[in-house]
């Protein structure tokens, strides 16, 4: 895997990672809760991803809870020097498996400390502050707590997740935002309102990210794409002899050099297919057709 992207390129501590990462959320049990159905395979997926050249893993202590962090540590600790583990804070889970805000300054600090403990790290290289919609804790107070943790050395870089354009603009006024993690894929590019909340779309912030040299990390890029019967995707996939999932990943890699896809899976065969998508070359004509 040779294509790379640099996180925080204008900072004193840039991080260069593989352009195709791996999102660990699917390694948990049903509803992103509990242990994986096949624990040995989950550990093998993590090891094989890193062996194949993946140097960017996305996790959160509220996956499981703590399941993906513990799997990462068991599979990969002591970590390779080039590996970047990105986690998220700002949310937690209730016993009924619901997702709720956990974003007061003291809660964010507790989450960081928990991630450091479960991952076995002294500093987290990249942390996304996950925004959970309008609530009693203003964005500037949440981000202020994150930048304080950064000054203390517990966090190297701060990113934002699930943000609107206005929230990203406000964040940039407050301090350096290293990355943005939003929902984005060929089939769903703009804000989606659904039964569980609202997910701002990557399309609405991509130009701002490009302008500021901020990698945009798409989540749910395959979740919304694969159920769609897009004949264009199917046609181009057939032309290249690849799956539609692989074509969707390739589309992201070609869409902008500032996109850092993190397709996740709990199947080793799918991991290998996803990684192979990095070798697909789409022409300008094919990209225009898929647009």
C-alpha atoms as a PDB file:
ATOM      1  CA  UNK A   1       0.000   0.000   0.000  1.00  0.00           C
ATOM      2  CA  UNK A   2       1.955   3.017  -1.258  1.00  0.00           C
ATOM      3  CA  UNK A   3      -0.547   5.911  -1.338  1.00  0.00           C
ATOM      4  CA  UNK A   4      -0.308   8.090   1.779  1.00  0.00           C
ATOM      5  CA  UNK A   5      -1.885  11.172   3.307  1.00  0.00           C
ATOM      6  CA  UNK A   6      -0.494  13.544   5.931  1.00  0.00           C
ATOM      7  CA  UNK A   7      -2.515  14.532   8.989  1.00  0.00           C
ATOM      8  CA  UNK A   8      -1.806  18.021  10.333  1.00  0.00           C
ATOM      9  CA  UNK A   9       0.734  18.743   7.558  1.00  0.00           C
ATOM     10  CA  UNK A  10       1.279  22.316   8.734  1.00  0.00           C
ATOM     11  CA  UNK A  11       1.911  21.378  12.370  1.00  0.00           C
ATOM     12  CA  UNK A  12       5.133  20.609  14.173  1.00  0.00           C
ATOM     13  CA  UNK A  13       4.102  16.955  14.472  1.00  0.00           C
ATOM     14  CA  UNK A  14       2.585  15.759  11.173  1.00  0.00           C
ATOM     15  CA  UNK A  15       1.478  12.145  10.831  1.00  0.00           C
ATOM     16  CA  UNK A  16       1.781  10.367   7.493  1.00  0.00           C
ATOM     17  CA  UNK A  17      -0.485   7.337   7.141  1.00  0.00           C
ATOM     18  CA  UNK A  18      -1.715   4.922   4.496  1.00  0.00           C
ATOM     19  CA  UNK A  19      -4.467   6.434   2.408  1.00  0.00           C
ATOM     20  CA  UNK A  20      -6.755   3.465   3.098  1.00  0.00           C
ATOM     21  CA  UNK A  21      -7.358   2.886   6.787  1.00  0.00           C
ATOM     22  CA  UNK A  22      -9.459   0.444   8.744  1.00  0.00           C
ATOM     23  CA  UNK A  23     -12.484   1.242  10.931  1.00  0.00           C
ATOM     24  CA  UNK A  24     -12.874  -1.183  13.828  1.00  0.00           C
ATOM     25  CA  UNK A  25     -16.542  -0.602  14.718  1.00  0.00           C
ATOM     26  CA  UNK A  26     -17.741  -3.779  12.991  1.00  0.00           C
ATOM     27  CA  UNK A  27     -15.466  -5.944  15.149  1.00  0.00           C
ATOM     28  CA  UNK A  28     -17.975  -5.741  18.009  1.00  0.00           C
ATOM     29  CA  UNK A  29     -21.095  -7.806  18.569  1.00  0.00           C
ATOM     30  CA  UNK A  30     -24.629  -6.938  17.371  1.00  0.00           C
ATOM     31  CA  UNK A  31     -25.625  -3.261  17.674  1.00  0.00           C
ATOM     32  CA  UNK A  32     -21.950  -2.326  18.153  1.00  0.00           C
ATOM     33  CA  UNK A  33     -22.091  -3.947  21.578  1.00  0.00           C
ATOM     34  CA  UNK A  34     -20.199  -6.748  23.251  1.00  0.00           C
ATOM     35  CA  UNK A  35     -17.565  -9.159  22.060  1.00  0.00           C
ATOM     36  CA  UNK A  36     -17.240 -10.227  18.418  1.00  0.00           C
ATOM     37  CA  UNK A  37     -18.880 -13.454  17.304  1.00  0.00           C
ATOM     38  CA  UNK A  38     -15.499 -14.705  16.098  1.00  0.00           C
ATOM     39  CA  UNK A  39     -12.797 -13.282  18.330  1.00  0.00           C
ATOM     40  CA  UNK A  40      -9.827 -15.057  16.702  1.00  0.00           C
ATOM     41  CA  UNK A  41     -10.896 -13.712  13.300  1.00  0.00           C
ATOM     42  CA  UNK A  42     -11.235 -10.191  14.729  1.00  0.00           C
ATOM     43  CA  UNK A  43      -7.665 -10.342  16.026  1.00  0.00           C
ATOM     44  CA  UNK A  44      -6.453 -11.762  12.721  1.00  0.00           C
ATOM     45  CA  UNK A  45      -8.160  -8.955  10.801  1.00  0.00           C
ATOM     46  CA  UNK A  46      -6.275  -6.336  12.811  1.00  0.00           C
ATOM     47  CA  UNK A  47      -2.941  -8.096  12.388  1.00  0.00           C
ATOM     48  CA  UNK A  48      -3.429  -8.730   8.681  1.00  0.00           C
ATOM     49  CA  UNK A  49      -4.512  -5.145   8.033  1.00  0.00           C
ATOM     50  CA  UNK A  50      -1.321  -3.810   9.615  1.00  0.00           C
ATOM     51  CA  UNK A  51       0.815  -6.456   7.915  1.00  0.00           C
ATOM     52  CA  UNK A  52      -0.709  -5.371   4.588  1.00  0.00           C
ATOM     53  CA  UNK A  53       0.404  -1.776   5.153  1.00  0.00           C
ATOM     54  CA  UNK A  54      -2.553  -0.155   6.908  1.00  0.00           C
ATOM     55  CA  UNK A  55      -1.192   2.466   9.305  1.00  0.00           C
ATOM     56  CA  UNK A  56      -4.449   4.160  10.344  1.00  0.00           C
ATOM     57  CA  UNK A  57      -6.988   2.523  12.675  1.00  0.00           C
ATOM     58  CA  UNK A  58     -10.219   4.169  13.805  1.00  0.00           C
ATOM     59  CA  UNK A  59     -11.726   3.155  17.157  1.00  0.00           C
ATOM     60  CA  UNK A  60     -13.681   4.480  20.161  1.00  0.00           C
ATOM     61  CA  UNK A  61     -14.024   3.394  23.754  1.00  0.00           C
ATOM     62  CA  UNK A  62     -17.812   3.341  23.319  1.00  0.00           C
ATOM     63  CA  UNK A  63     -17.540   0.572  20.729  1.00  0.00           C
ATOM     64  CA  UNK A  64     -18.390  -2.442  22.727  1.00  0.00           C
ATOM     65  CA  UNK A  65     -17.880  -0.880  25.326  1.00  0.00           C
ATOM     66  CA  UNK A  66     -14.082  -0.811  25.164  1.00  0.00           C
ATOM     67  CA  UNK A  67     -14.159  -3.910  22.957  1.00  0.00           C
ATOM     68  CA  UNK A  68     -12.294  -2.566  19.932  1.00  0.00           C
ATOM     69  CA  UNK A  69      -9.662  -0.849  22.072  1.00  0.00           C
ATOM     70  CA  UNK A  70      -8.966  -4.092  23.896  1.00  0.00           C
ATOM     71  CA  UNK A  71      -8.823  -6.048  20.654  1.00  0.00           C
ATOM     72  CA  UNK A  72      -6.369  -3.558  19.153  1.00  0.00           C
ATOM     73  CA  UNK A  73      -4.116  -3.803  22.181  1.00  0.00           C
ATOM     74  CA  UNK A  74      -4.219  -7.597  22.274  1.00  0.00           C
ATOM     75  CA  UNK A  75      -3.537  -7.919  18.556  1.00  0.00           C
ATOM     76  CA  UNK A  76      -0.948  -5.209  18.011  1.00  0.00           C
ATOM     77  CA  UNK A  77       0.730  -4.032  21.237  1.00  0.00           C
ATOM     78  CA  UNK A  78       3.579  -3.065  21.302  1.00  0.00           C
ATOM     79  CA  UNK A  79       2.474  -0.935  18.388  1.00  0.00           C
ATOM     80  CA  UNK A  80       4.532  -0.410  15.230  1.00  0.00           C
ATOM     81  CA  UNK A  81       6.094   3.047  15.194  1.00  0.00           C
ATOM     82  CA  UNK A  82       4.230   4.038  12.030  1.00  0.00           C
ATOM     83  CA  UNK A  83       0.774   2.996  13.305  1.00  0.00           C
ATOM     84  CA  UNK A  84      -1.694   5.810  14.114  1.00  0.00           C
ATOM     85  CA  UNK A  85      -4.646   4.860  16.314  1.00  0.00           C
ATOM     86  CA  UNK A  86      -7.446   7.401  16.145  1.00  0.00           C
ATOM     87  CA  UNK A  87     -10.157   7.325  18.785  1.00  0.00           C
ATOM     88  CA  UNK A  88     -13.336   9.293  19.462  1.00  0.00           C
ATOM     89  CA  UNK A  89     -14.864  10.918  22.539  1.00  0.00           C
ATOM     90  CA  UNK A  90     -18.052  12.874  23.165  1.00  0.00           C
ATOM     91  CA  UNK A  91     -20.479   9.949  23.439  1.00  0.00           C
ATOM     92  CA  UNK A  92     -21.177   6.933  25.605  1.00  0.00           C
ATOM     93  CA  UNK A  93     -23.565   3.967  25.665  1.00  0.00           C
ATOM     94  CA  UNK A  94     -26.361   3.102  28.043  1.00  0.00           C
ATOM     95  CA  UNK A  95     -27.246  -0.465  29.034  1.00  0.00           C
ATOM     96  CA  UNK A  96     -30.141  -0.309  26.550  1.00  0.00           C
ATOM     97  CA  UNK A  97     -27.456   0.205  23.844  1.00  0.00           C
ATOM     98  CA  UNK A  98     -28.547   3.772  23.126  1.00  0.00           C
ATOM     99  CA  UNK A  99     -25.984   6.451  22.259  1.00  0.00           C
ATOM    100  CA  UNK A 100     -25.940   9.551  24.459  1.00  0.00           C
ATOM    101  CA  UNK A 101     -23.716  12.634  24.787  1.00  0.00           C
ATOM    102  CA  UNK A 102     -20.760  12.406  27.148  1.00  0.00           C
ATOM    103  CA  UNK A 103     -19.206  15.764  26.441  1.00  0.00           C
ATOM    104  CA  UNK A 104     -18.822  17.844  29.557  1.00  0.00           C
ATOM    105  CA  UNK A 105     -15.159  18.751  30.121  1.00  0.00           C
ATOM    106  CA  UNK A 106     -14.772  16.287  32.985  1.00  0.00           C
ATOM    107  CA  UNK A 107     -16.414  13.547  30.904  1.00  0.00           C
ATOM    108  CA  UNK A 108     -14.136  14.208  27.933  1.00  0.00           C
ATOM    109  CA  UNK A 109     -11.147  13.990  30.261  1.00  0.00           C
ATOM    110  CA  UNK A 110     -12.424  10.708  31.700  1.00  0.00           C
ATOM    111  CA  UNK A 111     -12.869   9.332  28.183  1.00  0.00           C
ATOM    112  CA  UNK A 112      -9.341  10.280  27.178  1.00  0.00           C
ATOM    113  CA  UNK A 113      -7.931   8.666  30.308  1.00  0.00           C
ATOM    114  CA  UNK A 114      -9.961   5.531  29.617  1.00  0.00           C
ATOM    115  CA  UNK A 115      -8.724   5.347  26.015  1.00  0.00           C
ATOM    116  CA  UNK A 116      -5.132   5.782  27.160  1.00  0.00           C
ATOM    117  CA  UNK A 117      -5.590   2.968  29.680  1.00  0.00           C
ATOM    118  CA  UNK A 118      -7.361   0.489  27.422  1.00  0.00           C
ATOM    119  CA  UNK A 119      -5.076   1.123  24.448  1.00  0.00           C
ATOM    120  CA  UNK A 120      -1.951   1.091  26.617  1.00  0.00           C
ATOM    121  CA  UNK A 121      -0.685   4.464  25.398  1.00  0.00           C
ATOM    122  CA  UNK A 122       0.853   7.504  27.024  1.00  0.00           C
ATOM    123  CA  UNK A 123      -0.461   9.829  24.316  1.00  0.00           C
ATOM    124  CA  UNK A 124      -3.269   9.461  21.785  1.00  0.00           C
ATOM    125  CA  UNK A 125      -2.059  10.648  18.390  1.00  0.00           C
ATOM    126  CA  UNK A 126      -5.473  11.734  17.086  1.00  0.00           C
ATOM    127  CA  UNK A 127      -8.808  12.151  18.863  1.00  0.00           C
ATOM    128  CA  UNK A 128     -12.092  13.079  17.221  1.00  0.00           C
ATOM    129  CA  UNK A 129     -14.579  15.048  19.261  1.00  0.00           C
ATOM    130  CA  UNK A 130     -17.865  13.456  18.189  1.00  0.00           C
ATOM    131  CA  UNK A 131     -20.681  16.004  18.186  1.00  0.00           C
ATOM    132  CA  UNK A 132     -24.019  14.617  19.308  1.00  0.00           C
ATOM    133  CA  UNK A 133     -26.350  17.430  18.227  1.00  0.00           C
ATOM    134  CA  UNK A 134     -27.576  20.473  20.113  1.00  0.00           C
ATOM    135  CA  UNK A 135     -27.240  20.119  23.858  1.00  0.00           C
ATOM    136  CA  UNK A 136     -26.360  21.931  27.067  1.00  0.00           C
ATOM    137  CA  UNK A 137     -22.589  21.902  26.459  1.00  0.00           C
ATOM    138  CA  UNK A 138     -21.542  24.511  23.856  1.00  0.00           C
ATOM    139  CA  UNK A 139     -19.075  23.513  21.147  1.00  0.00           C
ATOM    140  CA  UNK A 140     -16.483  26.014  22.335  1.00  0.00           C
ATOM    141  CA  UNK A 141     -16.572  24.473  25.814  1.00  0.00           C
ATOM    142  CA  UNK A 142     -16.150  20.956  24.431  1.00  0.00           C
ATOM    143  CA  UNK A 143     -13.322  21.956  22.109  1.00  0.00           C
ATOM    144  CA  UNK A 144     -11.716  24.035  24.831  1.00  0.00           C
ATOM    145  CA  UNK A 145     -11.455  20.906  26.971  1.00  0.00           C
ATOM    146  CA  UNK A 146      -9.918  18.987  24.067  1.00  0.00           C
ATOM    147  CA  UNK A 147      -7.297  21.653  23.414  1.00  0.00           C
ATOM    148  CA  UNK A 148      -6.488  21.707  27.141  1.00  0.00           C
ATOM    149  CA  UNK A 149      -5.838  17.953  27.009  1.00  0.00           C
ATOM    150  CA  UNK A 150      -3.667  18.592  23.960  1.00  0.00           C
ATOM    151  CA  UNK A 151      -1.622  21.179  25.864  1.00  0.00           C
ATOM    152  CA  UNK A 152      -1.163  18.649  28.670  1.00  0.00           C
ATOM    153  CA  UNK A 153       0.285  16.166  26.172  1.00  0.00           C
ATOM    154  CA  UNK A 154      -2.413  13.513  26.490  1.00  0.00           C
ATOM    155  CA  UNK A 155      -3.557  14.239  22.933  1.00  0.00           C
ATOM    156  CA  UNK A 156      -1.332  15.052  19.961  1.00  0.00           C
ATOM    157  CA  UNK A 157      -3.963  16.174  17.438  1.00  0.00           C
ATOM    158  CA  UNK A 158      -7.648  17.102  17.758  1.00  0.00           C
ATOM    159  CA  UNK A 159     -10.258  16.382  15.103  1.00  0.00           C
ATOM    160  CA  UNK A 160     -14.023  16.789  14.781  1.00  0.00           C
ATOM    161  CA  UNK A 161     -16.640  14.206  13.875  1.00  0.00           C
ATOM    162  CA  UNK A 162     -20.248  14.516  12.727  1.00  0.00           C
ATOM    163  CA  UNK A 163     -19.918  18.256  12.119  1.00  0.00           C
ATOM    164  CA  UNK A 164     -21.834  20.754  10.032  1.00  0.00           C
ATOM    165  CA  UNK A 165     -20.011  23.327   7.947  1.00  0.00           C
ATOM    166  CA  UNK A 166     -20.829  26.033  10.493  1.00  0.00           C
ATOM    167  CA  UNK A 167     -19.458  23.889  13.334  1.00  0.00           C
ATOM    168  CA  UNK A 168     -16.253  23.216  11.434  1.00  0.00           C
ATOM    169  CA  UNK A 169     -15.826  26.916  10.703  1.00  0.00           C
ATOM    170  CA  UNK A 170     -16.364  27.691  14.395  1.00  0.00           C
ATOM    171  CA  UNK A 171     -13.873  25.007  15.383  1.00  0.00           C
ATOM    172  CA  UNK A 172     -11.227  26.387  13.053  1.00  0.00           C
ATOM    173  CA  UNK A 173     -11.586  29.739  14.761  1.00  0.00           C
ATOM    174  CA  UNK A 174     -10.862  28.144  18.107  1.00  0.00           C
ATOM    175  CA  UNK A 175      -7.776  26.094  17.257  1.00  0.00           C
ATOM    176  CA  UNK A 176      -6.090  23.667  14.837  1.00  0.00           C
ATOM    177  CA  UNK A 177      -8.456  20.972  13.591  1.00  0.00           C
ATOM    178  CA  UNK A 178      -6.379  18.075  12.263  1.00  0.00           C
ATOM    179  CA  UNK A 179      -9.090  15.907  10.693  1.00  0.00           C
ATOM    180  CA  UNK A 180     -12.833  15.688  10.120  1.00  0.00           C
ATOM    181  CA  UNK A 181     -14.789  12.433  10.259  1.00  0.00           C
ATOM    182  CA  UNK A 182     -18.227  12.667   8.615  1.00  0.00           C
ATOM    183  CA  UNK A 183     -20.619  10.347   6.859  1.00  0.00           C
ATOM    184  CA  UNK A 184     -19.713  10.247   3.179  1.00  0.00           C
ATOM    185  CA  UNK A 185     -19.910   7.880   0.256  1.00  0.00           C
ATOM    186  CA  UNK A 186     -20.991   7.672  -3.358  1.00  0.00           C
ATOM    187  CA  UNK A 187     -24.618   6.965  -2.433  1.00  0.00           C
ATOM    188  CA  UNK A 188     -24.984   9.402   0.486  1.00  0.00           C
ATOM    189  CA  UNK A 189     -22.986  12.625   0.311  1.00  0.00           C
ATOM    190  CA  UNK A 190     -25.103  15.212   2.124  1.00  0.00           C
ATOM    191  CA  UNK A 191     -26.763  15.422   5.537  1.00  0.00           C
ATOM    192  CA  UNK A 192     -28.991  12.482   6.430  1.00  0.00           C
ATOM    193  CA  UNK A 193     -31.750  12.806   9.040  1.00  0.00           C
ATOM    194  CA  UNK A 194     -32.894   9.438  10.376  1.00  0.00           C
ATOM    195  CA  UNK A 195     -34.594   7.833  13.358  1.00  0.00           C
ATOM    196  CA  UNK A 196     -31.427   7.876  15.481  1.00  0.00           C
ATOM    197  CA  UNK A 197     -30.383  11.463  14.765  1.00  0.00           C
ATOM    198  CA  UNK A 198     -28.628  13.497  12.097  1.00  0.00           C
ATOM    199  CA  UNK A 199     -25.391  12.782  10.263  1.00  0.00           C
ATOM    200  CA  UNK A 200     -23.897  15.795   8.438  1.00  0.00           C
ATOM    201  CA  UNK A 201     -22.557  14.875   5.031  1.00  0.00           C
ATOM    202  CA  UNK A 202     -18.956  15.014   3.898  1.00  0.00           C
ATOM    203  CA  UNK A 203     -19.855  16.802   0.665  1.00  0.00           C
ATOM    204  CA  UNK A 204     -20.849  19.867   2.683  1.00  0.00           C
ATOM    205  CA  UNK A 205     -17.395  20.263   4.250  1.00  0.00           C
ATOM    206  CA  UNK A 206     -15.048  18.682   1.685  1.00  0.00           C
ATOM    207  CA  UNK A 207     -14.051  21.945  -0.003  1.00  0.00           C
ATOM    208  CA  UNK A 208     -13.340  23.534   3.381  1.00  0.00           C
ATOM    209  CA  UNK A 209     -11.192  20.560   4.365  1.00  0.00           C
ATOM    210  CA  UNK A 210      -9.274  20.783   1.093  1.00  0.00           C
ATOM    211  CA  UNK A 211      -8.769  24.513   1.563  1.00  0.00           C
ATOM    212  CA  UNK A 212      -7.257  24.010   5.032  1.00  0.00           C
ATOM    213  CA  UNK A 213      -5.345  20.794   4.318  1.00  0.00           C
ATOM    214  CA  UNK A 214      -7.582  18.709   6.574  1.00  0.00           C
ATOM    215  CA  UNK A 215      -8.085  15.027   5.736  1.00  0.00           C
ATOM    216  CA  UNK A 216     -11.770  14.060   5.605  1.00  0.00           C
ATOM    217  CA  UNK A 217     -12.367  10.558   6.968  1.00  0.00           C
ATOM    218  CA  UNK A 218     -15.624   9.103   5.618  1.00  0.00           C
ATOM    219  CA  UNK A 219     -17.727   6.784   7.744  1.00  0.00           C
ATOM    220  CA  UNK A 220     -20.722   4.701   6.600  1.00  0.00           C
ATOM    221  CA  UNK A 221     -19.321   4.915   3.057  1.00  0.00           C
ATOM    222  CA  UNK A 222     -20.488   1.359   2.266  1.00  0.00           C
ATOM    223  CA  UNK A 223     -23.479   1.146   4.618  1.00  0.00           C
ATOM    224  CA  UNK A 224     -25.607   3.379   2.401  1.00  0.00           C
ATOM    225  CA  UNK A 225     -23.977   2.417  -0.890  1.00  0.00           C
ATOM    226  CA  UNK A 226     -24.382  -1.348  -0.974  1.00  0.00           C
ATOM    227  CA  UNK A 227     -28.192  -1.468  -0.617  1.00  0.00           C
ATOM    228  CA  UNK A 228     -28.482   0.965  -3.556  1.00  0.00           C
ATOM    229  CA  UNK A 229     -29.073  -0.430  -7.013  1.00  0.00           C
ATOM    230  CA  UNK A 230     -26.884   2.103  -8.846  1.00  0.00           C
ATOM    231  CA  UNK A 231     -26.458   0.778 -12.354  1.00  0.00           C
ATOM    232  CA  UNK A 232     -23.506   3.093 -12.980  1.00  0.00           C
ATOM    233  CA  UNK A 233     -21.533   1.617 -10.084  1.00  0.00           C
ATOM    234  CA  UNK A 234     -22.445  -1.910 -11.151  1.00  0.00           C
ATOM    235  CA  UNK A 235     -21.427  -1.221 -14.753  1.00  0.00           C
ATOM    236  CA  UNK A 236     -18.014   0.249 -13.894  1.00  0.00           C
ATOM    237  CA  UNK A 237     -17.406  -2.513 -11.343  1.00  0.00           C
ATOM    238  CA  UNK A 238     -18.085  -5.168 -13.984  1.00  0.00           C
ATOM    239  CA  UNK A 239     -15.753  -3.387 -16.396  1.00  0.00           C
ATOM    240  CA  UNK A 240     -12.922  -3.624 -13.851  1.00  0.00           C
ATOM    241  CA  UNK A 241     -13.818  -7.105 -12.650  1.00  0.00           C
ATOM    242  CA  UNK A 242     -14.326  -5.959  -9.055  1.00  0.00           C
ATOM    243  CA  UNK A 243     -17.186  -5.889  -6.552  1.00  0.00           C
ATOM    244  CA  UNK A 244     -19.451  -2.898  -6.094  1.00  0.00           C
ATOM    245  CA  UNK A 245     -18.031  -2.440  -2.585  1.00  0.00           C
ATOM    246  CA  UNK A 246     -14.522  -2.220  -4.038  1.00  0.00           C
ATOM    247  CA  UNK A 247     -15.704   0.254  -6.661  1.00  0.00           C
ATOM    248  CA  UNK A 248     -17.249   2.455  -3.962  1.00  0.00           C
ATOM    249  CA  UNK A 249     -13.941   2.534  -2.082  1.00  0.00           C
ATOM    250  CA  UNK A 250     -12.041   3.300  -5.282  1.00  0.00           C
ATOM    251  CA  UNK A 251     -14.446   6.164  -5.998  1.00  0.00           C
ATOM    252  CA  UNK A 252     -13.599   7.731  -2.638  1.00  0.00           C
ATOM    253  CA  UNK A 253      -9.861   7.379  -3.256  1.00  0.00           C
ATOM    254  CA  UNK A 254     -10.235   9.133  -6.625  1.00  0.00           C
ATOM    255  CA  UNK A 255     -12.742  11.781  -5.499  1.00  0.00           C
ATOM    256  CA  UNK A 256     -10.203  13.870  -3.574  1.00  0.00           C
ATOM    257  CA  UNK A 257      -6.613  13.382  -2.363  1.00  0.00           C
ATOM    258  CA  UNK A 258      -7.838  14.624   1.022  1.00  0.00           C
ATOM    259  CA  UNK A 259     -10.184  11.678   1.574  1.00  0.00           C
ATOM    260  CA  UNK A 260      -8.999   8.911   3.923  1.00  0.00           C
ATOM    261  CA  UNK A 261     -11.495   6.016   3.737  1.00  0.00           C
ATOM    262  CA  UNK A 262     -11.759   3.604   6.670  1.00  0.00           C
ATOM    263  CA  UNK A 263     -14.020   0.760   5.460  1.00  0.00           C
ATOM    264  CA  UNK A 264     -14.705  -1.684   8.254  1.00  0.00           C
ATOM    265  CA  UNK A 265     -15.626  -5.331   8.260  1.00  0.00           C
ATOM    266  CA  UNK A 266     -15.746  -8.344  10.552  1.00  0.00           C
ATOM    267  CA  UNK A 267     -14.806 -10.772   7.782  1.00  0.00           C
ATOM    268  CA  UNK A 268     -11.233 -11.457   6.752  1.00  0.00           C
ATOM    269  CA  UNK A 269     -12.270 -12.087   3.142  1.00  0.00           C
ATOM    270  CA  UNK A 270     -13.939  -8.671   2.964  1.00  0.00           C
ATOM    271  CA  UNK A 271     -10.867  -6.996   4.481  1.00  0.00           C
ATOM    272  CA  UNK A 272      -8.737  -8.423   1.686  1.00  0.00           C
ATOM    273  CA  UNK A 273     -11.237  -7.248  -0.921  1.00  0.00           C
ATOM    274  CA  UNK A 274     -11.367  -3.764   0.604  1.00  0.00           C
ATOM    275  CA  UNK A 275      -7.592  -3.437   0.641  1.00  0.00           C
ATOM    276  CA  UNK A 276      -7.406  -4.570  -2.978  1.00  0.00           C
ATOM    277  CA  UNK A 277      -9.621  -1.617  -3.916  1.00  0.00           C
ATOM    278  CA  UNK A 278      -6.572   0.630  -3.510  1.00  0.00           C
ATOM    279  CA  UNK A 279      -5.170  -0.849  -6.735  1.00  0.00           C
ATOM    280  CA  UNK A 280      -8.210   0.074  -8.882  1.00  0.00           C
ATOM    281  CA  UNK A 281      -7.538   2.913 -11.308  1.00  0.00           C
ATOM    282  CA  UNK A 282     -10.549   4.919 -12.503  1.00  0.00           C
ATOM    283  CA  UNK A 283     -10.273   7.196 -15.527  1.00  0.00           C
ATOM    284  CA  UNK A 284     -11.450  10.804 -15.561  1.00  0.00           C
ATOM    285  CA  UNK A 285     -14.257   9.691 -17.854  1.00  0.00           C
ATOM    286  CA  UNK A 286     -15.367   6.997 -15.411  1.00  0.00           C
ATOM    287  CA  UNK A 287     -15.302   9.455 -12.500  1.00  0.00           C
ATOM    288  CA  UNK A 288     -17.408  11.907 -14.500  1.00  0.00           C
ATOM    289  CA  UNK A 289     -19.852   9.117 -15.329  1.00  0.00           C
ATOM    290  CA  UNK A 290     -20.115   8.131 -11.650  1.00  0.00           C
ATOM    291  CA  UNK A 291     -20.589  11.709 -10.515  1.00  0.00           C
END
